[in-house]
C-alpha atoms as a PDB file:
ATOM      1  CA  MET A   1      21.381   5.820   2.499  1.00  0.00           C
ATOM      2  CA  THR A   2      23.627   5.376  -1.010  1.00  0.00           C
ATOM      3  CA  LEU A   3      22.596   8.025  -4.292  1.00  0.00           C
ATOM      4  CA  GLY A   4      21.379   4.301  -5.540  1.00  0.00           C
ATOM      5  CA  GLU A   5      19.444   3.518  -2.426  1.00  0.00           C
ATOM      6  CA  LYS A   6      17.903   7.496  -2.402  1.00  0.00           C
ATOM      7  CA  ILE A   7      16.684   6.882  -6.525  1.00  0.00           C
ATOM      8  CA  ALA A   8      15.019   3.373  -5.391  1.00  0.00           C
ATOM      9  CA  ARG A   9      13.073   4.291  -2.529  1.00  0.00           C
ATOM     10  CA  LEU A  10      12.033   7.507  -5.084  1.00  0.00           C
ATOM     11  CA  ARG A  11      10.826   4.594  -7.241  1.00  0.00           C
ATOM     12  CA  VAL A  12       8.568   3.479  -4.837  1.00  0.00           C
ATOM     13  CA  LEU A  13       7.339   6.698  -3.375  1.00  0.00           C
ATOM     14  CA  GLU A  14       6.738   7.969  -7.186  1.00  0.00           C
ATOM     15  CA  GLY A  15       4.494   4.997  -8.166  1.00  0.00           C
ATOM     16  CA  THR A  16       2.359   5.333  -4.852  1.00  0.00           C
ATOM     17  CA  ALA A  17       1.999   8.811  -5.509  1.00  0.00           C
ATOM     18  CA  ARG A  18       0.697   8.022  -9.083  1.00  0.00           C
ATOM     19  CA  GLY A  19      -1.371   5.027  -7.919  1.00  0.00           C
ATOM     20  CA  LEU A  20      -0.022   2.498  -9.168  1.00  0.00           C
ATOM     21  CA  GLY A  21       0.201   0.398  -5.828  1.00  0.00           C
ATOM     22  CA  ARG A  22       4.025  -0.726  -6.716  1.00  0.00           C
ATOM     23  CA  GLU A  23       7.371   0.989  -7.373  1.00  0.00           C
ATOM     24  CA  MET A  24       7.923   2.254 -10.395  1.00  0.00           C
ATOM     25  CA  THR A  25      10.115   0.436 -13.251  1.00  0.00           C
ATOM     26  CA  GLN A  26      13.170   1.738 -14.089  1.00  0.00           C
ATOM     27  CA  THR A  27      11.913   2.150 -17.650  1.00  0.00           C
ATOM     28  CA  GLU A  28       8.836   4.011 -16.703  1.00  0.00           C
ATOM     29  CA  ILE A  29      10.626   6.051 -14.823  1.00  0.00           C
ATOM     30  CA  SER A  30      13.052   6.957 -17.900  1.00  0.00           C
ATOM     31  CA  ASN A  31       9.719   7.444 -20.291  1.00  0.00           C
ATOM     32  CA  ALA A  32       8.090   9.440 -18.109  1.00  0.00           C
ATOM     33  CA  ILE A  33      11.322  11.621 -17.237  1.00  0.00           C
ATOM     34  CA  ARG A  34      11.315  11.919 -21.503  1.00  0.00           C
ATOM     35  CA  ASP A  35       7.444  12.602 -21.508  1.00  0.00           C
ATOM     36  CA  GLU A  36       6.706  14.754 -18.683  1.00  0.00           C
ATOM     37  CA  LEU A  37      10.152  16.787 -18.796  1.00  0.00           C
ATOM     38  CA  GLY A  38      11.294  16.562 -21.948  1.00  0.00           C
ATOM     39  CA  GLY A  39      14.925  14.960 -20.485  1.00  0.00           C
ATOM     40  CA  ARG A  40      16.767  12.037 -21.397  1.00  0.00           C
ATOM     41  CA  ILE A  41      17.736   9.282 -18.435  1.00  0.00           C
ATOM     42  CA  SER A  42      18.081   5.816 -19.779  1.00  0.00           C
ATOM     43  CA  GLN A  43      17.130   2.706 -18.056  1.00  0.00           C
ATOM     44  CA  SER A  44      20.302   1.572 -18.078  1.00  0.00           C
ATOM     45  CA  TYR A  45      22.069   4.567 -16.443  1.00  0.00           C
ATOM     46  CA  LEU A  46      19.184   4.334 -13.807  1.00  0.00           C
ATOM     47  CA  SER A  47      20.149   0.751 -13.295  1.00  0.00           C
ATOM     48  CA  GLN A  48      23.835   1.872 -13.008  1.00  0.00           C
ATOM     49  CA  ILE A  49      23.092   4.294 -10.148  1.00  0.00           C
ATOM     50  CA  GLU A  50      21.205   2.634  -8.424  1.00  0.00           C
ATOM     51  CA  ASN A  51      23.656  -0.915  -8.881  1.00  0.00           C
ATOM     52  CA  GLY A  52      25.908   1.677  -7.381  1.00  0.00           C
ATOM     53  CA  ALA A  53      28.337   1.347 -10.572  1.00  0.00           C
ATOM     54  CA  ARG A  54      27.730   4.938 -11.096  1.00  0.00           C
ATOM     55  CA  LEU A  55      28.700   6.806  -8.456  1.00  0.00           C
ATOM     56  CA  HIS A  56      28.201  10.556  -9.247  1.00  0.00           C
ATOM     57  CA  LEU A  57      25.799  12.302 -11.174  1.00  0.00           C
ATOM     58  CA  THR A  58      26.381  15.451 -13.310  1.00  0.00           C
ATOM     59  CA  SER A  59      24.775  18.599 -12.711  1.00  0.00           C
ATOM     60  CA  GLY A  60      22.198  18.391 -15.487  1.00  0.00           C
ATOM     61  CA  THR A  61      21.204  15.260 -14.591  1.00  0.00           C
ATOM     62  CA  ARG A  62      20.947  15.648 -10.825  1.00  0.00           C
ATOM     63  CA  GLN A  63      18.317  18.376 -11.636  1.00  0.00           C
ATOM     64  CA  THR A  64      16.384  16.085 -13.947  1.00  0.00           C
ATOM     65  CA  LEU A  65      16.116  13.406 -11.457  1.00  0.00           C
ATOM     66  CA  ALA A  66      15.020  16.164  -8.430  1.00  0.00           C
ATOM     67  CA  ARG A  67      12.214  17.672 -10.983  1.00  0.00           C
ATOM     68  CA  PHE A  68      10.732  14.533 -11.496  1.00  0.00           C
ATOM     69  CA  PHE A  69      11.043  13.299  -7.941  1.00  0.00           C
ATOM     70  CA  LYS A  70      10.712  16.499  -6.521  1.00  0.00           C
ATOM     71  CA  VAL A  71      13.072  16.392  -4.283  1.00  0.00           C
ATOM     72  CA  HIS A  72      16.411  19.412  -3.480  1.00  0.00           C
ATOM     73  CA  PRO A  73      18.923  18.283  -5.658  1.00  0.00           C
ATOM     74  CA  GLY A  74      21.502  17.943  -2.544  1.00  0.00           C
ATOM     75  CA  TYR A  75      19.309  15.196  -1.717  1.00  0.00           C
ATOM     76  CA  LEU A  76      21.044  13.458  -4.318  1.00  0.00           C
ATOM     77  CA  VAL A  77      24.279  12.329  -3.222  1.00  0.00           C
ATOM     78  CA  ASP A  78      25.698   9.672  -1.107  1.00  0.00           C
ATOM     79  CA  ASP A  79      25.047  10.040   2.938  1.00  0.00           C
ATOM     80  CA  LEU A  80      27.797   9.682   5.113  1.00  0.00           C
ATOM     81  CA  ASP A  81      28.301   6.558   6.584  1.00  0.00           C
ATOM     82  CA  ASP A  82      30.726   7.518   9.467  1.00  0.00           C
ATOM     83  CA  PRO A  83      28.831   5.313  12.495  1.00  0.00           C
ATOM     84  CA  HIS A  84      30.127   8.108  14.660  1.00  0.00           C
ATOM     85  CA  LEU A  85      27.792  11.067  13.684  1.00  0.00           C
ATOM     86  CA  PRO A  86      25.010  11.525  15.390  1.00  0.00           C
ATOM     87  CA  ILE A  87      23.046  11.725  12.340  1.00  0.00           C
ATOM     88  CA  ARG A  88      22.311   8.064  11.825  1.00  0.00           C
ATOM     89  CA  PRO A  89      19.538   7.360  14.233  1.00  0.00           C
ATOM     90  CA  ARG A  90      17.659  10.116  12.837  1.00  0.00           C
ATOM     91  CA  ARG A  91      18.221   8.596   9.299  1.00  0.00           C
ATOM     92  CA  ASP A  92      16.653   5.894  10.738  1.00  0.00           C
ATOM     93  CA  ILE A  93      13.771   7.306  12.058  1.00  0.00           C
ATOM     94  CA  ASP A  94      12.935   9.679   8.713  1.00  0.00           C
ATOM     95  CA  GLU A  95      13.036   6.173   7.228  1.00  0.00           C
ATOM     96  CA  LYS A  96      10.373   4.508   9.318  1.00  0.00           C
ATOM     97  CA  LEU A  97       8.472   7.697   9.676  1.00  0.00           C
ATOM     98  CA  ASP A  98       8.501   8.348   5.608  1.00  0.00           C
ATOM     99  CA  LEU A  99       6.975   4.304   5.350  1.00  0.00           C
ATOM    100  CA  TRP A 100       4.699   4.871   7.719  1.00  0.00           C
ATOM    101  CA  LEU A 101       3.236   8.182   5.397  1.00  0.00           C
ATOM    102  CA  VAL A 102       3.472   6.057   2.998  1.00  0.00           C
ATOM    103  CA  ASP A 103       0.894   3.579   3.880  1.00  0.00           C
ATOM    104  CA  GLY A 104      -1.133   6.696   5.360  1.00  0.00           C
ATOM    105  CA  ALA A 105      -1.347   7.417   2.246  1.00  0.00           C
ATOM    106  CA  GLU A 106      -2.137   4.443   0.374  1.00  0.00           C
ATOM    107  CA  GLU A 107      -4.808   3.820   3.127  1.00  0.00           C
ATOM    108  CA  PHE A 108      -6.568   7.197   3.222  1.00  0.00           C
ATOM    109  CA  ARG A 109      -6.349   7.236  -1.210  1.00  0.00           C
ATOM    110  CA  ALA A 110      -9.870   7.813  -1.336  1.00  0.00           C
ATOM    111  CA  ASP A 111      -9.083  11.423  -0.056  1.00  0.00           C
ATOM    112  CA  SER A 112      -6.932  12.042  -2.715  1.00  0.00           C
ATOM    113  CA  GLU A 113      -5.928  15.766  -0.889  1.00  0.00           C
ATOM    114  CA  LEU A 114      -4.608  14.196   2.329  1.00  0.00           C
ATOM    115  CA  SER A 115      -3.349  10.891   0.364  1.00  0.00           C
ATOM    116  CA  ARG A 116      -0.953  13.806  -1.826  1.00  0.00           C
ATOM    117  CA  ALA A 117      -0.016  16.020   1.339  1.00  0.00           C
ATOM    118  CA  LEU A 118       1.073  12.856   3.055  1.00  0.00           C
ATOM    119  CA  LEU A 119       3.228  11.656   0.343  1.00  0.00           C
ATOM    120  CA  ALA A 120       4.676  15.221   0.009  1.00  0.00           C
ATOM    121  CA  ILE A 121       5.638  14.864   3.391  1.00  0.00           C
ATOM    122  CA  ALA A 122       7.352  11.528   2.601  1.00  0.00           C
ATOM    123  CA  LYS A 123       8.991  12.745  -0.341  1.00  0.00           C
ATOM    124  CA  HIS A 124      10.437  15.801   1.621  1.00  0.00           C
ATOM    125  CA  GLU A 125      13.706  15.151   2.518  1.00  0.00           C
ATOM    126  CA  HIS A 126      13.408  16.121   6.566  1.00  0.00           C
ATOM    127  CA  SER A 127       9.994  14.617   6.330  1.00  0.00           C
ATOM    128  CA  ARG A 128      10.364  14.351  10.445  1.00  0.00           C
ATOM    129  CA  ASP A 129      11.130  18.555  10.492  1.00  0.00           C
ATOM    130  CA  CYS A 130       8.327  18.993   8.519  1.00  0.00           C
ATOM    131  CA  LEU A 131       5.941  17.210  10.815  1.00  0.00           C
ATOM    132  CA  LEU A 132       7.428  19.099  13.546  1.00  0.00           C
ATOM    133  CA  LEU A 133       6.637  22.404  11.896  1.00  0.00           C
ATOM    134  CA  LEU A 134       3.324  21.193  11.331  1.00  0.00           C
ATOM    135  CA  ALA A 135       2.642  20.694  14.851  1.00  0.00           C
ATOM    136  CA  ALA A 136       4.059  24.023  15.949  1.00  0.00           C
ATOM    137  CA  ILE A 137       1.417  25.321  13.017  1.00  0.00           C
ATOM    138  CA  VAL A 138      -1.361  23.749  14.718  1.00  0.00           C
ATOM    139  CA  GLU A 139      -0.513  24.735  18.367  1.00  0.00           C
ATOM    140  CA  ASN A 140      -1.651  28.466  16.717  1.00  0.00           C
ATOM    141  CA  ARG A 141      -5.659  28.572  15.558  1.00  0.00           C
ATOM    142  CA  LEU A 142      -5.395  31.944  14.332  1.00  0.00           C
ATOM    143  CA  LEU A 143      -2.526  30.653  11.655  1.00  0.00           C
ATOM    144  CA  ILE A 144      -4.501  27.818  10.808  1.00  0.00           C
ATOM    145  CA  GLU A 145      -7.808  29.894   9.986  1.00  0.00           C
ATOM    146  CA  ARG A 146      -6.246  31.944   8.188  1.00  0.00           C
ATOM    147  CA  LEU A 147      -4.070  29.124   5.988  1.00  0.00           C
ATOM    148  CA  LEU A 148      -7.373  27.139   5.543  1.00  0.00           C
ATOM    149  CA  GLU A 149      -9.180  30.560   4.414  1.00  0.00           C
ATOM    150  CA  ARG A 150      -6.223  31.111   1.649  1.00  0.00           C
ATOM    151  CA  LEU A 151      -5.742  27.106   0.804  1.00  0.00           C
ATOM    152  CA  ALA A 152      -9.502  26.096   0.699  1.00  0.00           C
ATOM    153  CA  PRO A 153     -11.142  26.403  -3.026  1.00  0.00           C
ATOM    154  CA  ALA A 154     -14.756  27.293  -2.550  1.00  0.00           C
ATOM    155  CA  PRO A 155     -16.377  29.181   0.255  1.00  0.00           C
ATOM    156  CA  GLN A 156     -18.368  26.042   1.325  1.00  0.00           C
ATOM    157  CA  THR A 157     -15.565  23.903   1.989  1.00  0.00           C
ATOM    158  CA  ARG A 158     -13.807  26.877   3.971  1.00  0.00           C
ATOM    159  CA  ARG A 159     -16.911  26.985   5.956  1.00  0.00           C
ATOM    160  CA  ARG A 160     -16.816  23.150   6.486  1.00  0.00           C
ATOM    161  CA  ARG A 161     -13.321  23.096   7.388  1.00  0.00           C
ATOM    162  CA  ARG A 162     -13.712  26.296  10.122  1.00  0.00           C
ATOM    163  CA  ARG A 163     -16.596  24.405  11.338  1.00  0.00           C
ATOM    164  CA  ASN A 164     -14.443  21.039  11.975  1.00  0.00           C
ATOM    165  CA  PHE A 165     -11.871  22.874  13.389  1.00  0.00           C
ATOM    166  CA  VAL A 166     -14.096  24.481  15.758  1.00  0.00           C
ATOM    167  CA  GLU A 167     -15.078  21.033  16.941  1.00  0.00           C
ATOM    168  CA  ARG A 168     -12.147  19.933  17.422  1.00  0.00           C
END
């Protein structure tokens, strides 16, 4: 996947995460970076990146985009295009998985915590690995109990979650 394709995909994810029901435009991204981060990346610069006219980012631009989209700065580079590398099928799986996660976030948008969690995994550079890690955590009931106690905002919520988990 090229850098431009990644930025376009991140615009879709960010629009969904913000509840727009559509991708964010390049102008909206530019304005949000200015308003939320105090940074400056113009719409035309984003267009050049997405169209492949600008192949590399400056370190500052990479850091700003990574902060805005909440991805690792290393994600914002072109991937290798050698079809003989074994990572190609994995990348295809990750793409399908990310789209599935975004669809799930949309379907469950009434549950803001669940929707936010699905989008966070979809945005992660290694979403498949995140789900595999989650599966490993789920197999350890004691760990889940301890994590839920730490993450739950109120005692009543903790008891409800614990009761629901034990019932399963």
